[in-house]
C-alpha cells in the first residue's frame, strides 16, 4: 500500500485538485451540486468522518492493489504472489498510478472500473462474495463520476464483440447488475435532491457548452433569438470560445444569465433546435475531435493546444 501512496506520503497530505473542495463539501454542507453526483462525497465522509482524508486514499490504494493482484492471477495464474509486489512497484515508479490513488478525486475509479469489468467477464474462479463486492464497487464507481456509466456501456460492447469472437459465454446478469444499481442510485438521489428522477438533471449544460464552442449553437442563437426569450440571447457576443470558460468562469454568461439550474429548460430547447436546424455541424465537431484524439493515441503523441481559458488567464496576468 505505501508504494501506491508515496506521492501523498512525501507530500505529507493526500493530493488535492481544484474540484476536491466540492467533493469534500457537498455532504458536509448538505448541498447538491449541479455538475456532479454526491456519491464520492459520501465515500469521503463515511471513511474520514469529516475529519481526515487519509482513510479514503488508504482504501483507494488497498482496493487498487487487490484489483491488480486479482487481474494478474486471472491472466497469469502460474506466477506467485511475490511477483505482485514487483508489478505494483513498477507501476508505482513508472506510471501516474500512485498520484491517482493518493488524490482526493474520483478519476482513479475509471481505470479501476475497466479492471473490475474484466474480472466479472473473464474470471470464472470468482467466489460469490467477490462477485458481490465487484458488482457493488462497480456500481459505486459509476456513481462517483457521470462519465463512467457511458464508458462502462461502451466497454460492454467491446466485451460482447470479444466474447462472440472467441466463442465464450459471458455472465451478463452479473455484468449488467452494476449499471442498473448505479442508475437506480443516481435517479433516486436526484429525485430526492432536485425533484427530478434523472441520472444527471443538468447534464445538458455540458452539451450546450460543447455546441457553443463548436459553433452550431451560436448559429441557433443568432437565428432564433429575435423571436425567443432565452436568457443567453442577451449575452450572445460575450459567449467565450472555450467550453471550459463557458462552464467554469464566474463571469461566464452561463452564470450571469441565471446559472445551469435556472436555465436548464432553455438549455434543452436550444440543444433540440440546434440538432434539428444544424445536424451536420453538431455532428462534425465531435467526430473531428475523436479522430484527432485517436490519431494522437495511435501515433503516441498528442500536440498540446492552449485553451481559450488558459490564454485569457495568461494575458490577464501579463504573460507573453
Protein backbone atom coordinates (compact mmCIF):
# COMPACT_ATOMS: atom_id res chain seq x y z
CA UNK A 1 0.00 0.00 0.00
CA UNK A 2 2.74 2.62 0.77
CA UNK A 3 4.07 2.14 -2.77
CA UNK A 4 0.77 3.33 -4.17
CA UNK A 5 0.69 6.35 -1.85
CA UNK A 6 4.27 7.57 -1.98
CA UNK A 7 3.45 10.99 -3.53
CA UNK A 8 0.87 11.67 -0.81
CA UNK A 9 3.23 10.40 1.91
CA UNK A 10 6.05 12.54 0.55
CA UNK A 11 3.66 15.49 0.40
CA UNK A 12 2.55 14.87 3.98
CA UNK A 13 -1.10 15.13 2.95
CA UNK A 14 -3.36 13.49 0.35
CA UNK A 15 -3.12 15.18 -3.03
CA UNK A 16 -5.89 17.59 -3.98
CA UNK A 17 -7.23 19.21 -7.14
CA UNK A 18 -9.37 22.27 -7.73
CA UNK A 19 -12.52 20.09 -7.66
CA UNK A 20 -11.57 18.39 -4.39
CA UNK A 21 -13.21 21.07 -2.26
CA UNK A 22 -16.59 20.47 -3.87
CA UNK A 23 -16.37 16.73 -3.25
CA UNK A 24 -15.48 17.35 0.40
CA UNK A 25 -18.14 19.97 1.00
CA UNK A 26 -21.22 18.52 -0.74
CA UNK A 27 -22.41 16.32 2.11
CA UNK A 28 -20.74 18.21 4.95
CA UNK A 29 -22.53 21.41 3.92
CA UNK A 30 -25.58 19.47 2.67
CA UNK A 31 -25.81 20.81 -0.84
CA UNK A 32 -26.20 19.01 -4.16
CA UNK A 33 -24.07 20.47 -6.93
CA UNK A 34 -25.43 20.77 -10.44
CA UNK A 35 -22.37 19.24 -12.09
CA UNK A 36 -21.53 16.10 -10.09
CA UNK A 37 -23.31 13.43 -8.03
CA UNK A 38 -22.72 13.27 -4.26
CA UNK A 39 -21.57 9.65 -4.01
CA UNK A 40 -17.81 10.25 -3.95
CA UNK A 41 -18.53 12.87 -1.29
CA UNK A 42 -20.37 10.15 0.65
CA UNK A 43 -17.35 7.87 0.20
CA UNK A 44 -15.08 10.55 1.70
CA UNK A 45 -17.46 11.32 4.55
CA UNK A 46 -18.05 7.70 5.58
CA UNK A 47 -14.35 6.87 5.60
CA UNK A 48 -12.97 10.09 7.03
CA UNK A 49 -15.93 11.16 9.17
CA UNK A 50 -15.29 14.71 8.00
CA UNK A 51 -12.04 14.79 9.98
CA UNK A 52 -9.32 13.15 7.87
CA UNK A 53 -8.65 12.47 4.19
CA UNK A 54 -6.14 9.70 4.85
CA UNK A 55 -8.66 6.84 5.25
CA UNK A 56 -10.16 7.39 1.76
CA UNK A 57 -6.81 7.33 -0.04
CA UNK A 58 -5.74 4.29 2.00
CA UNK A 59 -8.88 2.45 0.88
CA UNK A 60 -8.24 3.59 -2.70
CA UNK A 61 -4.72 2.17 -2.55
CA UNK A 62 -5.79 -1.12 -0.94
CA UNK A 63 -8.58 -1.68 -3.45
CA UNK A 64 -6.28 -0.81 -6.35
CA UNK A 65 -3.67 -3.30 -5.15
CA UNK A 66 -6.32 -6.00 -4.73
CA UNK A 67 -7.69 -5.46 -8.24
CA UNK A 68 -4.22 -5.54 -9.82
CA UNK A 69 -3.38 -8.73 -7.93
CA UNK A 70 -6.67 -10.37 -8.86
CA UNK A 71 -6.25 -9.50 -12.55
CA UNK A 72 -2.72 -10.89 -12.51
CA UNK A 73 -4.00 -14.15 -11.01
CA UNK A 74 -6.60 -14.37 -13.77
CA UNK A 75 -4.21 -13.67 -16.64
CA UNK A 76 -1.04 -15.38 -15.37
CA UNK A 77 -2.09 -17.78 -12.59
CA UNK A 78 1.25 -19.59 -12.57
CA UNK A 79 3.05 -16.51 -11.24
CA UNK A 80 3.47 -16.43 -7.47
CA UNK A 81 2.30 -13.69 -5.13
CA UNK A 82 5.85 -12.32 -4.92
CA UNK A 83 5.51 -11.06 -8.47
CA UNK A 84 2.62 -8.85 -7.40
CA UNK A 85 4.97 -6.66 -5.39
CA UNK A 86 7.17 -6.27 -8.43
CA UNK A 87 4.24 -5.37 -10.68
CA UNK A 88 2.88 -2.83 -8.21
CA UNK A 89 6.39 -1.47 -7.64
CA UNK A 90 6.91 -0.90 -11.37
CA UNK A 91 3.51 0.78 -11.65
CA UNK A 92 4.32 2.97 -8.64
CA UNK A 93 7.62 4.13 -10.13
CA UNK A 94 6.97 4.23 -13.86
CA UNK A 95 3.33 5.38 -14.09
CA UNK A 96 0.99 8.01 -12.65
CA UNK A 97 -0.93 5.39 -10.66
CA UNK A 98 0.28 6.46 -7.17
CA UNK A 99 -0.57 10.05 -7.99
CA UNK A 100 -4.14 8.97 -8.72
CA UNK A 101 -4.52 6.65 -5.72
CA UNK A 102 -3.23 9.34 -3.37
CA UNK A 103 -5.50 12.07 -4.74
CA UNK A 104 -8.90 13.08 -3.40
CA UNK A 105 -10.60 12.75 -6.77
CA UNK A 106 -12.83 10.04 -8.28
CA UNK A 107 -10.81 9.87 -11.53
CA UNK A 108 -8.92 6.81 -10.26
CA UNK A 109 -12.07 4.73 -10.46
CA UNK A 110 -12.39 4.93 -14.24
CA UNK A 111 -9.39 2.62 -14.95
CA UNK A 112 -10.30 0.50 -11.91
CA UNK A 113 -13.76 0.06 -13.44
CA UNK A 114 -12.10 -1.45 -16.52
CA UNK A 115 -10.24 -3.97 -14.36
CA UNK A 116 -13.38 -4.80 -12.40
CA UNK A 117 -15.37 -5.44 -15.57
CA UNK A 118 -12.56 -7.66 -16.86
CA UNK A 119 -12.77 -9.79 -13.72
CA UNK A 120 -16.56 -10.13 -13.89
CA UNK A 121 -16.39 -11.11 -17.54
CA UNK A 122 -13.34 -13.36 -17.70
CA UNK A 123 -12.55 -14.75 -14.23
CA UNK A 124 -14.56 -17.96 -13.69
CA UNK A 125 -12.96 -18.53 -10.28
CA UNK A 126 -14.54 -15.57 -8.53
CA UNK A 127 -16.40 -16.55 -5.39
CA UNK A 128 -19.93 -15.31 -4.69
CA UNK A 129 -18.63 -12.82 -2.15
CA UNK A 130 -16.09 -11.48 -4.66
CA UNK A 131 -18.77 -11.16 -7.33
CA UNK A 132 -20.98 -9.24 -4.92
CA UNK A 133 -18.09 -6.97 -3.91
CA UNK A 134 -17.22 -6.29 -7.53
CA UNK A 135 -20.81 -5.52 -8.51
CA UNK A 136 -21.25 -3.10 -5.61
CA UNK A 137 -17.92 -1.38 -6.18
CA UNK A 138 -18.51 -1.12 -9.93
CA UNK A 139 -21.89 0.44 -9.24
CA UNK A 140 -20.20 2.85 -6.84
CA UNK A 141 -17.57 3.77 -9.43
CA UNK A 142 -20.29 4.63 -11.92
CA UNK A 143 -21.98 6.92 -9.40
CA UNK A 144 -18.69 8.63 -8.50
CA UNK A 145 -18.30 10.21 -11.94
CA UNK A 146 -21.03 10.62 -14.55
CA UNK A 147 -18.78 9.72 -17.48
CA UNK A 148 -18.13 6.26 -16.04
CA UNK A 149 -21.62 4.99 -16.86
CA UNK A 150 -21.42 5.52 -20.66
CA UNK A 151 -17.81 4.30 -20.61
CA UNK A 152 -18.97 1.09 -18.93
CA UNK A 153 -21.64 0.50 -21.59
CA UNK A 154 -19.04 1.11 -24.28
CA UNK A 155 -16.77 -1.44 -22.66
CA UNK A 156 -19.66 -3.91 -22.54
CA UNK A 157 -19.97 -3.63 -26.32
CA UNK A 158 -16.28 -4.44 -26.57
CA UNK A 159 -16.73 -7.45 -24.28
CA UNK A 160 -19.68 -8.60 -26.37
CA UNK A 161 -17.65 -8.45 -29.58
CA UNK A 162 -14.72 -10.25 -27.94
CA UNK A 163 -16.98 -12.94 -26.47
CA UNK A 164 -18.51 -13.66 -29.87
CA UNK A 165 -15.09 -13.78 -31.48
CA UNK A 166 -13.67 -16.32 -29.00
CA UNK A 167 -16.98 -18.16 -28.54
CA UNK A 168 -17.20 -17.55 -24.78
CA UNK A 169 -20.36 -17.22 -22.73
CA UNK A 170 -20.48 -14.05 -20.63
CA UNK A 171 -22.19 -13.68 -17.22
CA UNK A 172 -24.36 -10.82 -18.47
CA UNK A 173 -26.60 -10.78 -15.41
CA UNK A 174 -23.60 -10.00 -13.24
CA UNK A 175 -22.12 -7.56 -15.73
CA UNK A 176 -25.35 -5.57 -16.10
CA UNK A 177 -26.25 -5.62 -12.41
CA UNK A 178 -23.72 -2.87 -11.65
CA UNK A 179 -25.02 -0.22 -14.10
CA UNK A 180 -28.61 -0.99 -13.12
CA UNK A 181 -27.75 -0.32 -9.46
CA UNK A 182 -25.90 2.87 -10.36
CA UNK A 183 -28.79 4.17 -12.47
CA UNK A 184 -31.24 3.48 -9.65
CA UNK A 185 -28.97 5.20 -7.12
CA UNK A 186 -28.37 8.27 -9.30
CA UNK A 187 -32.06 8.57 -10.15
CA UNK A 188 -33.10 8.23 -6.52
CA UNK A 189 -30.67 10.80 -5.14
CA UNK A 190 -31.58 13.33 -7.83
CA UNK A 191 -35.28 12.74 -7.24
CA UNK A 192 -34.77 13.41 -3.52
CA UNK A 193 -32.39 16.34 -4.02
CA UNK A 194 -33.90 18.10 -7.03
CA UNK A 195 -37.30 16.53 -7.58
CA UNK A 196 -36.12 15.27 -10.98
CA UNK A 197 -35.79 11.47 -11.43
CA UNK A 198 -32.79 11.74 -13.73
CA UNK A 199 -29.24 10.40 -13.86
CA UNK A 200 -27.97 13.92 -14.50
CA UNK A 201 -30.68 16.60 -14.24
CA UNK A 202 -28.42 19.37 -15.53
CA UNK A 203 -26.06 17.38 -17.72
CA UNK A 204 -27.41 19.06 -20.86
CA UNK A 205 -25.41 22.14 -19.86
CA UNK A 206 -22.19 20.34 -20.76
CA UNK A 207 -23.51 19.51 -24.22
CA UNK A 208 -24.64 23.08 -24.78
CA UNK A 209 -21.16 24.31 -23.85
CA UNK A 210 -19.69 21.96 -26.45
CA UNK A 211 -22.18 23.03 -29.13
CA UNK A 212 -21.41 26.68 -28.42
CA UNK A 213 -17.65 26.10 -28.61
CA UNK A 214 -18.01 24.18 -31.89
CA UNK A 215 -20.30 26.81 -33.37
CA UNK A 216 -23.72 25.30 -34.22
CA UNK A 217 -25.44 26.53 -31.04
CA UNK A 218 -24.17 30.03 -31.77
CA UNK A 219 -25.92 29.80 -35.14
CA UNK A 220 -29.11 28.75 -33.34
CA UNK A 221 -28.92 31.74 -31.01
CA UNK A 222 -28.28 34.12 -33.90
CA UNK A 223 -31.16 32.66 -35.88
CA UNK A 224 -33.78 32.18 -33.15
CA UNK A 225 -33.07 34.86 -30.54
CA UNK A 226 -35.13 37.52 -32.37
CA UNK A 227 -38.28 35.52 -31.57
CA UNK A 228 -37.18 33.58 -28.45
CA UNK A 229 -36.89 34.96 -24.94
CA UNK A 230 -33.81 32.96 -23.93
CA UNK A 231 -31.63 34.44 -21.20
CA UNK A 232 -28.45 33.71 -23.18
CA UNK A 233 -29.73 35.85 -26.04
CA UNK A 234 -28.67 38.94 -24.09
CA UNK A 235 -25.06 37.68 -23.93
CA UNK A 236 -24.50 36.34 -27.45
CA UNK A 237 -21.46 38.49 -28.14
CA UNK A 238 -19.92 37.63 -24.76
CA UNK A 239 -20.05 33.83 -25.02
CA UNK A 240 -16.42 32.61 -24.80
CA UNK A 241 -14.77 30.44 -27.41
CA UNK A 242 -13.90 27.72 -24.90
CA UNK A 243 -16.43 25.27 -23.46
CA UNK A 244 -14.43 25.28 -20.22
CA UNK A 245 -14.62 29.05 -19.97
CA UNK A 246 -18.38 28.95 -20.56
CA UNK A 247 -18.83 26.31 -17.86
CA UNK A 248 -16.44 27.43 -15.14
CA UNK A 249 -15.57 31.15 -15.35
CA UNK A 250 -17.50 33.17 -12.78
CA UNK A 251 -18.00 35.91 -15.36
CA UNK A 252 -19.42 33.47 -17.93
CA UNK A 253 -22.79 34.33 -19.49
CA UNK A 254 -23.98 30.98 -18.13
CA UNK A 255 -23.97 32.35 -14.58
CA UNK A 256 -24.84 35.94 -15.43
CA UNK A 257 -27.94 34.69 -17.25
CA UNK A 258 -29.14 32.70 -14.22
CA UNK A 259 -26.97 29.61 -13.80
CA UNK A 260 -27.25 25.99 -15.01
CA UNK A 261 -30.19 25.04 -12.79
CA UNK A 262 -32.36 28.01 -13.66
CA UNK A 263 -31.56 27.79 -17.38
CA UNK A 264 -31.94 24.04 -17.85
CA UNK A 265 -35.32 24.20 -19.66
CA UNK A 266 -33.97 26.80 -22.09
CA UNK A 267 -30.72 24.83 -22.43
CA UNK A 268 -32.56 21.71 -23.56
CA UNK A 269 -34.64 23.68 -26.04
CA UNK A 270 -31.55 25.31 -27.56
CA UNK A 271 -29.95 21.88 -27.92
CA UNK A 272 -33.06 20.40 -29.58
CA UNK A 273 -33.27 23.25 -32.06
CA UNK A 274 -29.55 23.11 -32.78
CA UNK A 275 -29.71 19.40 -33.56
CA UNK A 276 -32.78 19.95 -35.75
CA UNK A 277 -31.51 23.03 -37.59
CA UNK A 278 -27.78 22.26 -37.82
CA UNK A 279 -27.38 18.47 -37.59
CA UNK A 280 -24.27 18.28 -39.78
CA UNK A 281 -22.41 20.97 -37.81
CA UNK A 282 -23.39 19.38 -34.49
CA UNK A 283 -22.05 16.03 -35.72
CA UNK A 284 -18.84 17.26 -37.37
CA UNK A 285 -17.26 18.70 -34.22
CA UNK A 286 -17.32 15.55 -32.06
CA UNK A 287 -16.20 13.37 -34.98
CA UNK A 288 -13.26 15.67 -35.73
CA UNK A 289 -12.14 15.63 -32.09
CA UNK A 290 -12.44 11.84 -31.87
CA UNK A 291 -10.31 11.42 -34.99
CA UNK A 292 -7.75 13.86 -33.61
CA UNK A 293 -7.55 12.13 -30.23
CA UNK A 294 -7.43 8.63 -31.71
CA UNK A 295 -4.74 9.75 -34.12
CA UNK A 296 -2.72 11.11 -31.24
CA UNK A 297 -3.12 7.89 -29.25
CA UNK A 298 -2.08 5.75 -32.23
CA UNK A 299 0.94 7.91 -33.00
CA UNK A 300 1.86 8.14 -29.32
CA UNK A 301 1.82 11.91 -29.34
CA UNK A 302 -0.93 14.47 -28.90
CA UNK A 303 0.02 18.03 -29.75
CA UNK A 304 -0.97 20.18 -26.76
CA UNK A 305 -3.08 23.20 -27.59
CA UNK A 306 -3.64 26.19 -25.37
CA UNK A 307 -7.28 26.65 -24.49
CA UNK A 308 -9.01 29.99 -24.72
CA UNK A 309 -9.36 29.99 -20.93
CA UNK A 310 -5.62 29.43 -20.40
CA UNK A 311 -4.81 32.10 -22.98
CA UNK A 312 -7.07 34.63 -21.28
CA UNK A 313 -5.55 33.84 -17.89
CA UNK A 314 -2.05 34.30 -19.30
CA UNK A 315 -2.91 37.58 -20.99
CA UNK A 316 -4.74 38.84 -17.89
CA UNK A 317 -1.61 38.20 -15.82
CA UNK A 318 0.62 39.97 -18.30
CA UNK A 319 2.48 36.92 -19.58
CA UNK A 320 3.59 36.90 -23.20
